[in-house]
């Protein structure tokens, strides 16, 4: 009997807390929309998702504007392998994105894809 009563209390308490959490979340969304915090968060996401510039890519790979594509690939391979062995995934992804950015710059229109 006591176990049944305890189980009922846990179920009722859980459902009350669940409804309160959902209600609080809805209210937080309403408040964020009123204050503009939601729009600021969206703008922050947009800013973070901007593509890498050519200058940033060159800075990451440590190359000049006069570098050839072969030099870029050599530098990329070296840095990518170094970060794969004992570096960080974040740096490795930055190196990869830099190479992707520069690929678009160095890609010739007459070369087949």
C-alpha atoms as a PDB file:
ATOM      1  CA  UNK A   1       0.000   0.000   0.000  1.00  0.00           C
ATOM      2  CA  UNK A   2       2.784   2.437   0.907  1.00  0.00           C
ATOM      3  CA  UNK A   3       4.671   1.577  -2.284  1.00  0.00           C
ATOM      4  CA  UNK A   4       1.556   2.305  -4.362  1.00  0.00           C
ATOM      5  CA  UNK A   5       1.044   5.645  -2.637  1.00  0.00           C
ATOM      6  CA  UNK A   6       4.700   6.553  -3.176  1.00  0.00           C
ATOM      7  CA  UNK A   7       4.503   5.596  -6.873  1.00  0.00           C
ATOM      8  CA  UNK A   8       1.377   7.755  -7.324  1.00  0.00           C
ATOM      9  CA  UNK A   9       3.095  10.702  -5.654  1.00  0.00           C
ATOM     10  CA  UNK A  10       6.129  10.345  -7.927  1.00  0.00           C
ATOM     11  CA  UNK A  11       3.985  10.187 -11.076  1.00  0.00           C
ATOM     12  CA  UNK A  12       1.866  13.175 -10.076  1.00  0.00           C
ATOM     13  CA  UNK A  13       4.914  15.169  -8.980  1.00  0.00           C
ATOM     14  CA  UNK A  14       6.690  14.393 -12.243  1.00  0.00           C
ATOM     15  CA  UNK A  15       3.758  15.488 -14.351  1.00  0.00           C
ATOM     16  CA  UNK A  16       3.409  18.733 -12.380  1.00  0.00           C
ATOM     17  CA  UNK A  17       7.104  19.508 -12.816  1.00  0.00           C
ATOM     18  CA  UNK A  18       6.921  18.624 -16.524  1.00  0.00           C
ATOM     19  CA  UNK A  19       3.989  20.976 -17.111  1.00  0.00           C
ATOM     20  CA  UNK A  20       5.731  23.739 -15.155  1.00  0.00           C
ATOM     21  CA  UNK A  21       8.891  23.338 -17.244  1.00  0.00           C
ATOM     22  CA  UNK A  22       6.939  23.518 -20.509  1.00  0.00           C
ATOM     23  CA  UNK A  23       5.043  26.578 -19.306  1.00  0.00           C
ATOM     24  CA  UNK A  24       8.267  28.308 -18.205  1.00  0.00           C
ATOM     25  CA  UNK A  25       9.875  27.558 -21.585  1.00  0.00           C
ATOM     26  CA  UNK A  26       6.909  29.044 -23.440  1.00  0.00           C
ATOM     27  CA  UNK A  27       7.058  32.147 -21.260  1.00  0.00           C
ATOM     28  CA  UNK A  28      10.803  32.476 -21.884  1.00  0.00           C
ATOM     29  CA  UNK A  29      10.172  32.426 -25.639  1.00  0.00           C
ATOM     30  CA  UNK A  30       7.515  35.113 -25.323  1.00  0.00           C
ATOM     31  CA  UNK A  31       9.841  37.271 -23.199  1.00  0.00           C
ATOM     32  CA  UNK A  32      12.731  36.801 -25.625  1.00  0.00           C
ATOM     33  CA  UNK A  33      10.559  37.918 -28.526  1.00  0.00           C
ATOM     34  CA  UNK A  34       9.429  41.001 -26.601  1.00  0.00           C
ATOM     35  CA  UNK A  35      12.933  42.100 -25.652  1.00  0.00           C
ATOM     36  CA  UNK A  36      14.583  41.281 -28.943  1.00  0.00           C
ATOM     37  CA  UNK A  37      16.907  38.694 -27.433  1.00  0.00           C
ATOM     38  CA  UNK A  38      15.679  36.124 -29.948  1.00  0.00           C
ATOM     39  CA  UNK A  39      16.619  38.401 -32.843  1.00  0.00           C
ATOM     40  CA  UNK A  40      20.072  39.004 -31.329  1.00  0.00           C
ATOM     41  CA  UNK A  41      20.614  35.255 -31.081  1.00  0.00           C
ATOM     42  CA  UNK A  42      19.623  34.778 -34.719  1.00  0.00           C
ATOM     43  CA  UNK A  43      21.991  37.574 -35.787  1.00  0.00           C
ATOM     44  CA  UNK A  44      24.790  35.952 -33.790  1.00  0.00           C
ATOM     45  CA  UNK A  45      24.210  32.656 -35.594  1.00  0.00           C
ATOM     46  CA  UNK A  46      24.255  34.418 -38.948  1.00  0.00           C
ATOM     47  CA  UNK A  47      27.517  36.156 -38.096  1.00  0.00           C
ATOM     48  CA  UNK A  48      29.117  32.907 -36.984  1.00  0.00           C
ATOM     49  CA  UNK A  49      28.112  31.081 -40.145  1.00  0.00           C
ATOM     50  CA  UNK A  50      29.701  33.553 -42.571  1.00  0.00           C
ATOM     51  CA  UNK A  51      32.161  32.070 -45.006  1.00  0.00           C
ATOM     52  CA  UNK A  52      35.872  32.474 -44.501  1.00  0.00           C
ATOM     53  CA  UNK A  53      37.499  35.291 -46.445  1.00  0.00           C
ATOM     54  CA  UNK A  54      40.472  34.747 -48.713  1.00  0.00           C
ATOM     55  CA  UNK A  55      42.664  36.837 -46.405  1.00  0.00           C
ATOM     56  CA  UNK A  56      41.700  34.708 -43.379  1.00  0.00           C
ATOM     57  CA  UNK A  57      42.399  31.534 -45.326  1.00  0.00           C
ATOM     58  CA  UNK A  58      45.837  32.772 -46.346  1.00  0.00           C
ATOM     59  CA  UNK A  59      46.586  33.800 -42.773  1.00  0.00           C
ATOM     60  CA  UNK A  60      45.573  30.393 -41.405  1.00  0.00           C
ATOM     61  CA  UNK A  61      47.756  28.543 -43.898  1.00  0.00           C
ATOM     62  CA  UNK A  62      50.578  31.080 -43.569  1.00  0.00           C
ATOM     63  CA  UNK A  63      50.901  31.810 -47.283  1.00  0.00           C
ATOM     64  CA  UNK A  64      51.197  34.967 -49.353  1.00  0.00           C
ATOM     65  CA  UNK A  65      49.073  36.170 -52.225  1.00  0.00           C
ATOM     66  CA  UNK A  66      51.800  35.122 -54.652  1.00  0.00           C
ATOM     67  CA  UNK A  67      51.802  31.484 -53.505  1.00  0.00           C
ATOM     68  CA  UNK A  68      51.140  28.815 -56.100  1.00  0.00           C
ATOM     69  CA  UNK A  69      48.456  26.177 -55.743  1.00  0.00           C
ATOM     70  CA  UNK A  70      51.139  23.521 -55.181  1.00  0.00           C
ATOM     71  CA  UNK A  71      52.554  25.516 -52.257  1.00  0.00           C
ATOM     72  CA  UNK A  72      49.071  25.826 -50.783  1.00  0.00           C
ATOM     73  CA  UNK A  73      48.427  22.093 -51.061  1.00  0.00           C
ATOM     74  CA  UNK A  74      51.830  21.303 -49.534  1.00  0.00           C
ATOM     75  CA  UNK A  75      51.212  23.672 -46.608  1.00  0.00           C
ATOM     76  CA  UNK A  76      47.689  22.256 -46.173  1.00  0.00           C
ATOM     77  CA  UNK A  77      48.928  18.652 -46.100  1.00  0.00           C
ATOM     78  CA  UNK A  78      51.615  19.484 -43.539  1.00  0.00           C
ATOM     79  CA  UNK A  79      49.287  21.394 -41.217  1.00  0.00           C
ATOM     80  CA  UNK A  80      46.397  18.949 -41.591  1.00  0.00           C
ATOM     81  CA  UNK A  81      48.582  15.942 -40.747  1.00  0.00           C
ATOM     82  CA  UNK A  82      50.207  17.728 -37.804  1.00  0.00           C
ATOM     83  CA  UNK A  83      46.817  18.514 -36.305  1.00  0.00           C
ATOM     84  CA  UNK A  84      45.545  15.009 -37.024  1.00  0.00           C
ATOM     85  CA  UNK A  85      48.377  13.470 -34.963  1.00  0.00           C
ATOM     86  CA  UNK A  86      48.653  15.727 -31.937  1.00  0.00           C
ATOM     87  CA  UNK A  87      46.627  18.867 -32.585  1.00  0.00           C
ATOM     88  CA  UNK A  88      43.011  19.780 -32.208  1.00  0.00           C
ATOM     89  CA  UNK A  89      40.041  18.967 -34.375  1.00  0.00           C
ATOM     90  CA  UNK A  90      39.109  22.671 -34.349  1.00  0.00           C
ATOM     91  CA  UNK A  91      42.442  23.713 -35.865  1.00  0.00           C
ATOM     92  CA  UNK A  92      42.280  20.858 -38.331  1.00  0.00           C
ATOM     93  CA  UNK A  93      38.841  21.991 -39.499  1.00  0.00           C
ATOM     94  CA  UNK A  94      40.062  25.596 -39.833  1.00  0.00           C
ATOM     95  CA  UNK A  95      42.927  24.409 -42.047  1.00  0.00           C
ATOM     96  CA  UNK A  96      40.500  22.394 -44.165  1.00  0.00           C
ATOM     97  CA  UNK A  97      38.083  25.335 -44.529  1.00  0.00           C
ATOM     98  CA  UNK A  98      40.991  27.586 -45.515  1.00  0.00           C
ATOM     99  CA  UNK A  99      41.971  25.181 -48.288  1.00  0.00           C
ATOM    100  CA  UNK A 100      38.346  24.988 -49.462  1.00  0.00           C
ATOM    101  CA  UNK A 101      38.150  28.776 -49.594  1.00  0.00           C
ATOM    102  CA  UNK A 102      41.341  29.048 -51.610  1.00  0.00           C
ATOM    103  CA  UNK A 103      40.254  26.225 -53.934  1.00  0.00           C
ATOM    104  CA  UNK A 104      37.407  28.442 -55.095  1.00  0.00           C
ATOM    105  CA  UNK A 105      39.864  31.284 -55.737  1.00  0.00           C
ATOM    106  CA  UNK A 106      42.399  29.172 -57.622  1.00  0.00           C
ATOM    107  CA  UNK A 107      39.859  27.116 -59.572  1.00  0.00           C
ATOM    108  CA  UNK A 108      40.148  27.929 -63.267  1.00  0.00           C
ATOM    109  CA  UNK A 109      36.919  28.363 -65.277  1.00  0.00           C
ATOM    110  CA  UNK A 110      38.291  26.278 -68.161  1.00  0.00           C
ATOM    111  CA  UNK A 111      39.154  23.292 -65.933  1.00  0.00           C
ATOM    112  CA  UNK A 112      36.484  20.523 -65.811  1.00  0.00           C
ATOM    113  CA  UNK A 113      35.072  19.864 -62.360  1.00  0.00           C
END
